[in-house]
Amino acid sequence: KLLIAASSISLALLHILPWWLVILIFARDFTIVVGVVAWYLWIPKTPNLQPSYISKINTVFQLTLVMLCLFDQAFGLRFPIWIPIFVSVFRLACVISFENLY
């Protein structure tokens, strides 16, 4: 997750990914961390920390998007259609996984 976060920030600094997407990534991860910490502090029962199927799909889309952006920058492969499509698909997957967090 740290590598994905660092890559997302770097790509946003280079104006390849939009900042709102980076904020969405961090907001989702921050929500998960805060939820787990709150659970441990206030609920004596151990939580079930199994990732959901949509969270796994979300991670695949996130990795694919970063990979496409890095390939585009490193090798000059131009994906004028694919990057915006993956941004939109990742945004949808992130919003759906937000709803399935708890």
PDB file of N, CA and C in Angstrom:
ATOM      1  N   LYS A   1       0.830  -1.192   0.000  1.00  0.00           N
ATOM      2  CA  LYS A   1       0.000   0.000   0.000  1.00  0.00           C
ATOM      3  C   LYS A   1       0.871   1.251   0.000  1.00  0.00           C
ATOM      4  N   LEU A   2       1.996   1.194   0.697  1.00  0.00           N
ATOM      5  CA  LEU A   2       2.874   2.354   0.755  1.00  0.00           C
ATOM      6  C   LEU A   2       3.465   2.658  -0.625  1.00  0.00           C
ATOM      7  N   LEU A   3       3.821   1.629  -1.367  1.00  0.00           N
ATOM      8  CA  LEU A   3       4.354   1.818  -2.712  1.00  0.00           C
ATOM      9  C   LEU A   3       3.292   2.429  -3.638  1.00  0.00           C
ATOM     10  N   ILE A   4       2.063   1.953  -3.528  1.00  0.00           N
ATOM     11  CA  ILE A   4       0.980   2.501  -4.340  1.00  0.00           C
ATOM     12  C   ILE A   4       0.732   3.960  -3.972  1.00  0.00           C
ATOM     13  N   ALA A   5       0.742   4.261  -2.685  1.00  0.00           N
ATOM     14  CA  ALA A   5       0.521   5.639  -2.237  1.00  0.00           C
ATOM     15  C   ALA A   5       1.629   6.559  -2.735  1.00  0.00           C
ATOM     16  N   ALA A   6       2.875   6.124  -2.599  1.00  0.00           N
ATOM     17  CA  ALA A   6       3.997   6.935  -3.064  1.00  0.00           C
ATOM     18  C   ALA A   6       3.948   7.128  -4.583  1.00  0.00           C
ATOM     19  N   SER A   7       3.612   6.084  -5.300  1.00  0.00           N
ATOM     20  CA  SER A   7       3.495   6.183  -6.758  1.00  0.00           C
ATOM     21  C   SER A   7       2.372   7.130  -7.158  1.00  0.00           C
ATOM     22  N   SER A   8       1.261   7.060  -6.442  1.00  0.00           N
ATOM     23  CA  SER A   8       0.127   7.937  -6.748  1.00  0.00           C
ATOM     24  C   SER A   8       0.492   9.398  -6.526  1.00  0.00           C
ATOM     25  N   ILE A   9       1.178   9.683  -5.420  1.00  0.00           N
ATOM     26  CA  ILE A   9       1.603  11.063  -5.145  1.00  0.00           C
ATOM     27  C   ILE A   9       2.577  11.541  -6.223  1.00  0.00           C
ATOM     28  N   SER A  10       3.519  10.695  -6.578  1.00  0.00           N
ATOM     29  CA  SER A  10       4.492  11.070  -7.613  1.00  0.00           C
ATOM     30  C   SER A  10       3.809  11.347  -8.944  1.00  0.00           C
ATOM     31  N   LEU A  11       2.865  10.506  -9.308  1.00  0.00           N
ATOM     32  CA  LEU A  11       2.154  10.696 -10.569  1.00  0.00           C
ATOM     33  C   LEU A  11       1.279  11.943 -10.539  1.00  0.00           C
ATOM     34  N   ALA A  12       0.754  12.282  -9.380  1.00  0.00           N
ATOM     35  CA  ALA A  12      -0.031  13.519  -9.262  1.00  0.00           C
ATOM     36  C   ALA A  12       0.881  14.740  -9.344  1.00  0.00           C
ATOM     37  N   LEU A  13       2.058  14.664  -8.742  1.00  0.00           N
ATOM     38  CA  LEU A  13       3.013  15.768  -8.831  1.00  0.00           C
ATOM     39  C   LEU A  13       3.456  16.018 -10.269  1.00  0.00           C
ATOM     40  N   LEU A  14       3.499  14.964 -11.065  1.00  0.00           N
ATOM     41  CA  LEU A  14       3.856  15.077 -12.487  1.00  0.00           C
ATOM     42  C   LEU A  14       2.649  15.419 -13.367  1.00  0.00           C
ATOM     43  N   HIS A  15       1.491  15.629 -12.738  1.00  0.00           N
ATOM     44  CA  HIS A  15       0.236  15.964 -13.447  1.00  0.00           C
ATOM     45  C   HIS A  15      -0.219  14.849 -14.381  1.00  0.00           C
ATOM     46  N   ILE A  16       0.057  13.617 -13.986  1.00  0.00           N
ATOM     47  CA  ILE A  16      -0.395  12.460 -14.765  1.00  0.00           C
ATOM     48  C   ILE A  16      -1.702  11.927 -14.187  1.00  0.00           C
ATOM     49  N   LEU A  17      -1.793  11.878 -12.868  1.00  0.00           N
ATOM     50  CA  LEU A  17      -3.032  11.511 -12.187  1.00  0.00           C
ATOM     51  C   LEU A  17      -3.623  12.749 -11.526  1.00  0.00           C
ATOM     52  N   PRO A  18      -4.938  12.822 -11.468  1.00  0.00           N
ATOM     53  CA  PRO A  18      -5.551  13.967 -10.795  1.00  0.00           C
ATOM     54  C   PRO A  18      -5.398  13.868  -9.276  1.00  0.00           C
ATOM     55  N   TRP A  19      -5.300  15.018  -8.619  1.00  0.00           N
ATOM     56  CA  TRP A  19      -5.133  15.052  -7.166  1.00  0.00           C
ATOM     57  C   TRP A  19      -6.343  14.491  -6.441  1.00  0.00           C
ATOM     58  N   TRP A  20      -7.541  14.682  -7.004  1.00  0.00           N
ATOM     59  CA  TRP A  20      -8.732  14.172  -6.325  1.00  0.00           C
ATOM     60  C   TRP A  20      -8.663  12.657  -6.201  1.00  0.00           C
ATOM     61  N   LEU A  21      -8.010  11.991  -7.171  1.00  0.00           N
ATOM     62  CA  LEU A  21      -7.881  10.534  -7.100  1.00  0.00           C
ATOM     63  C   LEU A  21      -6.933  10.134  -5.973  1.00  0.00           C
ATOM     64  N   VAL A  22      -5.851  10.871  -5.809  1.00  0.00           N
ATOM     65  CA  VAL A  22      -4.907  10.605  -4.718  1.00  0.00           C
ATOM     66  C   VAL A  22      -5.601  10.818  -3.375  1.00  0.00           C
ATOM     67  N   ILE A  23      -6.386  11.881  -3.282  1.00  0.00           N
ATOM     68  CA  ILE A  23      -7.129  12.143  -2.050  1.00  0.00           C
ATOM     69  C   ILE A  23      -8.125  11.023  -1.780  1.00  0.00           C
ATOM     70  N   LEU A  24      -8.774  10.515  -2.816  1.00  0.00           N
ATOM     71  CA  LEU A  24      -9.713   9.398  -2.662  1.00  0.00           C
ATOM     72  C   LEU A  24      -8.993   8.151  -2.148  1.00  0.00           C
ATOM     73  N   ILE A  25      -7.814   7.878  -2.683  1.00  0.00           N
ATOM     74  CA  ILE A  25      -7.029   6.726  -2.240  1.00  0.00           C
ATOM     75  C   ILE A  25      -6.686   6.857  -0.754  1.00  0.00           C
ATOM     76  N   PHE A  26      -6.182   8.039  -0.373  1.00  0.00           N
ATOM     77  CA  PHE A  26      -5.803   8.248   1.023  1.00  0.00           C
ATOM     78  C   PHE A  26      -7.019   8.283   1.946  1.00  0.00           C
ATOM     79  N   ALA A  27      -8.113   8.844   1.490  1.00  0.00           N
ATOM     80  CA  ALA A  27      -9.325   8.889   2.324  1.00  0.00           C
ATOM     81  C   ALA A  27      -9.820   7.483   2.619  1.00  0.00           C
ATOM     82  N   ARG A  28      -9.808   6.623   1.626  1.00  0.00           N
ATOM     83  CA  ARG A  28     -10.261   5.245   1.824  1.00  0.00           C
ATOM     84  C   ARG A  28      -9.352   4.510   2.809  1.00  0.00           C
ATOM     85  N   ASP A  29      -8.041   4.624   2.605  1.00  0.00           N
ATOM     86  CA  ASP A  29      -7.102   3.948   3.492  1.00  0.00           C
ATOM     87  C   ASP A  29      -7.164   4.522   4.910  1.00  0.00           C
ATOM     88  N   PHE A  30      -7.308   5.838   5.029  1.00  0.00           N
ATOM     89  CA  PHE A  30      -7.423   6.475   6.338  1.00  0.00           C
ATOM     90  C   PHE A  30      -8.680   5.999   7.059  1.00  0.00           C
ATOM     91  N   THR A  31      -9.777   5.877   6.319  1.00  0.00           N
ATOM     92  CA  THR A  31     -11.028   5.398   6.906  1.00  0.00           C
ATOM     93  C   THR A  31     -10.873   3.982   7.445  1.00  0.00           C
ATOM     94  N   ILE A  32     -10.193   3.143   6.711  1.00  0.00           N
ATOM     95  CA  ILE A  32      -9.966   1.761   7.155  1.00  0.00           C
ATOM     96  C   ILE A  32      -9.139   1.746   8.440  1.00  0.00           C
ATOM     97  N   VAL A  33      -8.058   2.507   8.464  1.00  0.00           N
ATOM     98  CA  VAL A  33      -7.179   2.538   9.637  1.00  0.00           C
ATOM     99  C   VAL A  33      -7.927   3.076  10.855  1.00  0.00           C
ATOM    100  N   VAL A  34      -8.654   4.178  10.689  1.00  0.00           N
ATOM    101  CA  VAL A  34      -9.396   4.763  11.809  1.00  0.00           C
ATOM    102  C   VAL A  34     -10.461   3.788  12.318  1.00  0.00           C
ATOM    103  N   GLY A  35     -11.133   3.103  11.402  1.00  0.00           N
ATOM    104  CA  GLY A  35     -12.147   2.129  11.799  1.00  0.00           C
ATOM    105  C   GLY A  35     -11.571   0.983  12.604  1.00  0.00           C
ATOM    106  N   VAL A  36     -10.440   0.469  12.181  1.00  0.00           N
ATOM    107  CA  VAL A  36      -9.805  -0.648  12.899  1.00  0.00           C
ATOM    108  C   VAL A  36      -9.317  -0.197  14.279  1.00  0.00           C
ATOM    109  N   VAL A  37      -8.695   0.973  14.339  1.00  0.00           N
ATOM    110  CA  VAL A  37      -8.228   1.486  15.633  1.00  0.00           C
ATOM    111  C   VAL A  37      -9.404   1.714  16.574  1.00  0.00           C
ATOM    112  N   ALA A  38     -10.480   2.321  16.073  1.00  0.00           N
ATOM    113  CA  ALA A  38     -11.666   2.567  16.903  1.00  0.00           C
ATOM    114  C   ALA A  38     -12.258   1.246  17.387  1.00  0.00           C
ATOM    115  N   TRP A  39     -12.287   0.246  16.526  1.00  0.00           N
ATOM    116  CA  TRP A  39     -12.817  -1.066  16.905  1.00  0.00           C
ATOM    117  C   TRP A  39     -12.012  -1.643  18.070  1.00  0.00           C
ATOM    118  N   TYR A  40     -10.687  -1.615  17.941  1.00  0.00           N
ATOM    119  CA  TYR A  40      -9.843  -2.163  19.000  1.00  0.00           C
ATOM    120  C   TYR A  40      -9.976  -1.397  20.306  1.00  0.00           C
ATOM    121  N   LEU A  41     -10.225  -0.091  20.226  1.00  0.00           N
ATOM    122  CA  LEU A  41     -10.327   0.715  21.440  1.00  0.00           C
ATOM    123  C   LEU A  41     -11.663   0.549  22.160  1.00  0.00           C
ATOM    124  N   TRP A  42     -12.767   0.408  21.406  1.00  0.00           N
ATOM    125  CA  TRP A  42     -14.082   0.465  22.040  1.00  0.00           C
ATOM    126  C   TRP A  42     -14.907  -0.819  21.999  1.00  0.00           C
ATOM    127  N   ILE A  43     -14.497  -1.772  21.203  1.00  0.00           N
ATOM    128  CA  ILE A  43     -15.279  -3.007  21.108  1.00  0.00           C
ATOM    129  C   ILE A  43     -14.377  -4.173  21.517  1.00  0.00           C
ATOM    130  N   PRO A  44     -14.770  -4.920  22.540  1.00  0.00           N
ATOM    131  CA  PRO A  44     -13.889  -5.988  23.037  1.00  0.00           C
ATOM    132  C   PRO A  44     -13.759  -7.189  22.082  1.00  0.00           C
ATOM    133  N   LYS A  45     -14.724  -7.362  21.196  1.00  0.00           N
ATOM    134  CA  LYS A  45     -14.690  -8.494  20.275  1.00  0.00           C
ATOM    135  C   LYS A  45     -13.667  -8.247  19.158  1.00  0.00           C
ATOM    136  N   THR A  46     -12.881  -9.267  18.815  1.00  0.00           N
ATOM    137  CA  THR A  46     -11.892  -9.141  17.745  1.00  0.00           C
ATOM    138  C   THR A  46     -12.595  -9.030  16.389  1.00  0.00           C
ATOM    139  N   PRO A  47     -12.215  -8.033  15.580  1.00  0.00           N
ATOM    140  CA  PRO A  47     -12.888  -7.863  14.291  1.00  0.00           C
ATOM    141  C   PRO A  47     -12.437  -8.897  13.262  1.00  0.00           C
ATOM    142  N   ASN A  48     -13.292  -9.162  12.301  1.00  0.00           N
ATOM    143  CA  ASN A  48     -12.949 -10.016  11.166  1.00  0.00           C
ATOM    144  C   ASN A  48     -12.265  -9.129  10.128  1.00  0.00           C
ATOM    145  N   LEU A  49     -10.965  -9.285   9.966  1.00  0.00           N
ATOM    146  CA  LEU A  49     -10.201  -8.399   9.095  1.00  0.00           C
ATOM    147  C   LEU A  49      -9.930  -9.002   7.715  1.00  0.00           C
ATOM    148  N   GLN A  50     -10.821  -9.802   7.225  1.00  0.00           N
ATOM    149  CA  GLN A  50     -10.686 -10.368   5.893  1.00  0.00           C
ATOM    150  C   GLN A  50     -11.061  -9.316   4.846  1.00  0.00           C
ATOM    151  N   PRO A  51     -10.203  -9.104   3.840  1.00  0.00           N
ATOM    152  CA  PRO A  51     -10.554  -8.120   2.812  1.00  0.00           C
ATOM    153  C   PRO A  51     -11.714  -8.623   1.960  1.00  0.00           C
ATOM    154  N   SER A  52     -12.558  -7.704   1.580  1.00  0.00           N
ATOM    155  CA  SER A  52     -13.701  -8.081   0.739  1.00  0.00           C
ATOM    156  C   SER A  52     -13.233  -8.279  -0.695  1.00  0.00           C
ATOM    157  N   TYR A  53     -14.067  -8.935  -1.470  1.00  0.00           N
ATOM    158  CA  TYR A  53     -13.766  -9.189  -2.876  1.00  0.00           C
ATOM    159  C   TYR A  53     -13.614  -7.869  -3.630  1.00  0.00           C
ATOM    160  N   ILE A  54     -14.486  -6.902  -3.357  1.00  0.00           N
ATOM    161  CA  ILE A  54     -14.409  -5.615  -4.059  1.00  0.00           C
ATOM    162  C   ILE A  54     -13.131  -4.870  -3.679  1.00  0.00           C
ATOM    163  N   SER A  55     -12.636  -5.047  -2.452  1.00  0.00           N
ATOM    164  CA  SER A  55     -11.372  -4.415  -2.063  1.00  0.00           C
ATOM    165  C   SER A  55     -10.201  -5.002  -2.845  1.00  0.00           C
ATOM    166  N   LYS A  56     -10.253  -6.291  -3.088  1.00  0.00           N
ATOM    167  CA  LYS A  56      -9.206  -6.919  -3.898  1.00  0.00           C
ATOM    168  C   LYS A  56      -9.254  -6.424  -5.342  1.00  0.00           C
ATOM    169  N   ILE A  57     -10.450  -6.295  -5.878  1.00  0.00           N
ATOM    170  CA  ILE A  57     -10.615  -5.753  -7.233  1.00  0.00           C
ATOM    171  C   ILE A  57     -10.112  -4.311  -7.276  1.00  0.00           C
ATOM    172  N   ASN A  58     -10.434  -3.554  -6.247  1.00  0.00           N
ATOM    173  CA  ASN A  58      -9.984  -2.174  -6.153  1.00  0.00           C
ATOM    174  C   ASN A  58      -8.453  -2.094  -6.199  1.00  0.00           C
ATOM    175  N   THR A  59      -7.786  -2.971  -5.484  1.00  0.00           N
ATOM    176  CA  THR A  59      -6.324  -2.992  -5.475  1.00  0.00           C
ATOM    177  C   THR A  59      -5.767  -3.348  -6.847  1.00  0.00           C
ATOM    178  N   VAL A  60      -6.401  -4.282  -7.537  1.00  0.00           N
ATOM    179  CA  VAL A  60      -5.965  -4.649  -8.892  1.00  0.00           C
ATOM    180  C   VAL A  60      -6.097  -3.452  -9.824  1.00  0.00           C
ATOM    181  N   PHE A  61      -7.216  -2.730  -9.758  1.00  0.00           N
ATOM    182  CA  PHE A  61      -7.396  -1.547 -10.603  1.00  0.00           C
ATOM    183  C   PHE A  61      -6.370  -0.472 -10.255  1.00  0.00           C
ATOM    184  N   GLN A  62      -6.096  -0.312  -8.982  1.00  0.00           N
ATOM    185  CA  GLN A  62      -5.129   0.685  -8.546  1.00  0.00           C
ATOM    186  C   GLN A  62      -3.731   0.357  -9.087  1.00  0.00           C
ATOM    187  N   LEU A  63      -3.323  -0.890  -8.951  1.00  0.00           N
ATOM    188  CA  LEU A  63      -2.021  -1.313  -9.472  1.00  0.00           C
ATOM    189  C   LEU A  63      -1.947  -1.188 -10.993  1.00  0.00           C
ATOM    190  N   THR A  64      -3.027  -1.543 -11.675  1.00  0.00           N
ATOM    191  CA  THR A  64      -3.058  -1.449 -13.138  1.00  0.00           C
ATOM    192  C   THR A  64      -2.947   0.003 -13.587  1.00  0.00           C
ATOM    193  N   LEU A  65      -3.646   0.884 -12.908  1.00  0.00           N
ATOM    194  CA  LEU A  65      -3.584   2.301 -13.252  1.00  0.00           C
ATOM    195  C   LEU A  65      -2.169   2.847 -13.062  1.00  0.00           C
ATOM    196  N   VAL A  66      -1.547   2.543 -11.942  1.00  0.00           N
ATOM    197  CA  VAL A  66      -0.173   3.008 -11.701  1.00  0.00           C
ATOM    198  C   VAL A  66       0.765   2.410 -12.741  1.00  0.00           C
ATOM    199  N   MET A  67       0.600   1.132 -13.049  1.00  0.00           N
ATOM    200  CA  MET A  67       1.446   0.483 -14.041  1.00  0.00           C
ATOM    201  C   MET A  67       1.306   1.132 -15.417  1.00  0.00           C
ATOM    202  N   LEU A  68       0.075   1.406 -15.838  1.00  0.00           N
ATOM    203  CA  LEU A  68      -0.143   2.064 -17.129  1.00  0.00           C
ATOM    204  C   LEU A  68       0.516   3.434 -17.178  1.00  0.00           C
ATOM    205  N   CYS A  69       0.370   4.187 -16.105  1.00  0.00           N
ATOM    206  CA  CYS A  69       0.981   5.523 -16.055  1.00  0.00           C
ATOM    207  C   CYS A  69       2.497   5.438 -16.097  1.00  0.00           C
ATOM    208  N   LEU A  70       3.075   4.500 -15.347  1.00  0.00           N
ATOM    209  CA  LEU A  70       4.527   4.350 -15.333  1.00  0.00           C
ATOM    210  C   LEU A  70       5.060   3.853 -16.676  1.00  0.00           C
ATOM    211  N   PHE A  71       4.371   2.905 -17.309  1.00  0.00           N
ATOM    212  CA  PHE A  71       4.768   2.441 -18.638  1.00  0.00           C
ATOM    213  C   PHE A  71       4.708   3.579 -19.640  1.00  0.00           C
ATOM    214  N   ASP A  72       3.670   4.383 -19.531  1.00  0.00           N
ATOM    215  CA  ASP A  72       3.506   5.514 -20.436  1.00  0.00           C
ATOM    216  C   ASP A  72       4.677   6.476 -20.304  1.00  0.00           C
ATOM    217  N   GLN A  73       5.106   6.751 -19.075  1.00  0.00           N
ATOM    218  CA  GLN A  73       6.207   7.678 -18.845  1.00  0.00           C
ATOM    219  C   GLN A  73       7.566   7.060 -19.173  1.00  0.00           C
ATOM    220  N   ALA A  74       7.757   5.799 -18.843  1.00  0.00           N
ATOM    221  CA  ALA A  74       9.069   5.167 -19.012  1.00  0.00           C
ATOM    222  C   ALA A  74       9.380   4.798 -20.456  1.00  0.00           C
ATOM    223  N   PHE A  75       8.390   4.292 -21.162  1.00  0.00           N
ATOM    224  CA  PHE A  75       8.650   3.742 -22.489  1.00  0.00           C
ATOM    225  C   PHE A  75       8.007   4.542 -23.612  1.00  0.00           C
ATOM    226  N   GLY A  76       7.366   5.628 -23.280  1.00  0.00           N
ATOM    227  CA  GLY A  76       6.736   6.434 -24.314  1.00  0.00           C
ATOM    228  C   GLY A  76       5.519   5.778 -24.941  1.00  0.00           C
ATOM    229  N   LEU A  77       4.993   4.761 -24.271  1.00  0.00           N
ATOM    230  CA  LEU A  77       3.774   4.130 -24.766  1.00  0.00           C
ATOM    231  C   LEU A  77       2.619   5.072 -24.468  1.00  0.00           C
ATOM    232  N   ARG A  78       1.903   5.421 -25.453  1.00  0.00           N
ATOM    233  CA  ARG A  78       0.821   6.379 -25.254  1.00  0.00           C
ATOM    234  C   ARG A  78      -0.501   5.641 -25.140  1.00  0.00           C
ATOM    235  N   PHE A  79      -1.144   5.846 -24.009  1.00  0.00           N
ATOM    236  CA  PHE A  79      -2.453   5.266 -23.739  1.00  0.00           C
ATOM    237  C   PHE A  79      -3.456   6.394 -23.554  1.00  0.00           C
ATOM    238  N   PRO A  80      -3.765   7.144 -24.600  1.00  0.00           N
ATOM    239  CA  PRO A  80      -4.635   8.303 -24.412  1.00  0.00           C
ATOM    240  C   PRO A  80      -6.047   7.939 -23.961  1.00  0.00           C
ATOM    241  N   ILE A  81      -6.487   6.750 -24.276  1.00  0.00           N
ATOM    242  CA  ILE A  81      -7.846   6.348 -23.899  1.00  0.00           C
ATOM    243  C   ILE A  81      -7.826   5.518 -22.629  1.00  0.00           C
ATOM    244  N   TRP A  82      -6.824   4.673 -22.455  1.00  0.00           N
ATOM    245  CA  TRP A  82      -6.830   3.716 -21.356  1.00  0.00           C
ATOM    246  C   TRP A  82      -6.676   4.346 -19.983  1.00  0.00           C
ATOM    247  N   ILE A  83      -5.840   5.356 -19.853  1.00  0.00           N
ATOM    248  CA  ILE A  83      -5.628   5.956 -18.535  1.00  0.00           C
ATOM    249  C   ILE A  83      -6.904   6.618 -18.013  1.00  0.00           C
ATOM    250  N   PRO A  84      -7.598   7.456 -18.796  1.00  0.00           N
ATOM    251  CA  PRO A  84      -8.866   8.011 -18.279  1.00  0.00           C
ATOM    252  C   PRO A  84      -9.920   6.942 -17.999  1.00  0.00           C
ATOM    253  N   ILE A  85      -9.922   5.883 -18.791  1.00  0.00           N
ATOM    254  CA  ILE A  85     -10.872   4.787 -18.537  1.00  0.00           C
ATOM    255  C   ILE A  85     -10.547   4.126 -17.199  1.00  0.00           C
ATOM    256  N   PHE A  86      -9.270   3.848 -16.939  1.00  0.00           N
ATOM    257  CA  PHE A  86      -8.906   3.223 -15.669  1.00  0.00           C
ATOM    258  C   PHE A  86      -9.102   4.160 -14.489  1.00  0.00           C
ATOM    259  N   VAL A  87      -8.938   5.462 -14.695  1.00  0.00           N
ATOM    260  CA  VAL A  87      -9.239   6.419 -13.630  1.00  0.00           C
ATOM    261  C   VAL A  87     -10.716   6.326 -13.265  1.00  0.00           C
ATOM    262  N   SER A  88     -11.574   6.276 -14.276  1.00  0.00           N
ATOM    263  CA  SER A  88     -13.017   6.183 -14.024  1.00  0.00           C
ATOM    264  C   SER A  88     -13.400   4.853 -13.383  1.00  0.00           C
ATOM    265  N   VAL A  89     -12.838   3.762 -13.874  1.00  0.00           N
ATOM    266  CA  VAL A  89     -13.145   2.445 -13.317  1.00  0.00           C
ATOM    267  C   VAL A  89     -12.639   2.346 -11.882  1.00  0.00           C
ATOM    268  N   PHE A  90     -11.434   2.869 -11.621  1.00  0.00           N
ATOM    269  CA  PHE A  90     -10.905   2.838 -10.267  1.00  0.00           C
ATOM    270  C   PHE A  90     -11.755   3.693  -9.332  1.00  0.00           C
ATOM    271  N   ARG A  91     -12.197   4.850  -9.815  1.00  0.00           N
ATOM    272  CA  ARG A  91     -13.055   5.713  -8.993  1.00  0.00           C
ATOM    273  C   ARG A  91     -14.319   4.969  -8.604  1.00  0.00           C
ATOM    274  N   LEU A  92     -14.935   4.283  -9.556  1.00  0.00           N
ATOM    275  CA  LEU A  92     -16.146   3.513  -9.274  1.00  0.00           C
ATOM    276  C   LEU A  92     -15.862   2.389  -8.274  1.00  0.00           C
ATOM    277  N   ALA A  93     -14.785   1.648  -8.489  1.00  0.00           N
ATOM    278  CA  ALA A  93     -14.437   0.551  -7.571  1.00  0.00           C
ATOM    279  C   ALA A  93     -14.128   1.083  -6.174  1.00  0.00           C
ATOM    280  N   CYS A  94     -13.486   2.235  -6.098  1.00  0.00           N
ATOM    281  CA  CYS A  94     -13.154   2.812  -4.793  1.00  0.00           C
ATOM    282  C   CYS A  94     -14.415   3.240  -4.053  1.00  0.00           C
ATOM    283  N   VAL A  95     -15.352   3.849  -4.756  1.00  0.00           N
ATOM    284  CA  VAL A  95     -16.606   4.270  -4.125  1.00  0.00           C
ATOM    285  C   VAL A  95     -17.399   3.043  -3.666  1.00  0.00           C
ATOM    286  N   ILE A  96     -17.456   2.004  -4.487  1.00  0.00           N
ATOM    287  CA  ILE A  96     -18.173   0.782  -4.103  1.00  0.00           C
ATOM    288  C   ILE A  96     -17.499   0.131  -2.898  1.00  0.00           C
ATOM    289  N   SER A  97     -16.163   0.097  -2.884  1.00  0.00           N
ATOM    290  CA  SER A  97     -15.487  -0.521  -1.744  1.00  0.00           C
ATOM    291  C   SER A  97     -15.635   0.322  -0.486  1.00  0.00           C
ATOM    292  N   PHE A  98     -15.767   1.640  -0.632  1.00  0.00           N
ATOM    293  CA  PHE A  98     -16.047   2.511   0.513  1.00  0.00           C
ATOM    294  C   PHE A  98     -17.355   2.095   1.174  1.00  0.00           C
ATOM    295  N   GLU A  99     -18.369   1.790   0.362  1.00  0.00           N
ATOM    296  CA  GLU A  99     -19.671   1.413   0.894  1.00  0.00           C
ATOM    297  C   GLU A  99     -19.634   0.049   1.570  1.00  0.00           C
ATOM    298  N   ASN A 100     -18.688  -0.798   1.181  1.00  0.00           N
ATOM    299  CA  ASN A 100     -18.621  -2.141   1.743  1.00  0.00           C
ATOM    300  C   ASN A 100     -17.589  -2.279   2.853  1.00  0.00           C
ATOM    301  N   LEU A 101     -17.084  -1.183   3.373  1.00  0.00           N
ATOM    302  CA  LEU A 101     -16.044  -1.271   4.401  1.00  0.00           C
ATOM    303  C   LEU A 101     -16.545  -1.906   5.682  1.00  0.00           C
ATOM    304  N   TYR A 102     -17.732  -1.488   6.139  1.00  0.00           N
ATOM    305  CA  TYR A 102     -18.175  -1.966   7.457  1.00  0.00           C
ATOM    306  C   TYR A 102     -19.519  -2.609   7.348  1.00  0.00           C
TER     307      TYR A 102
END
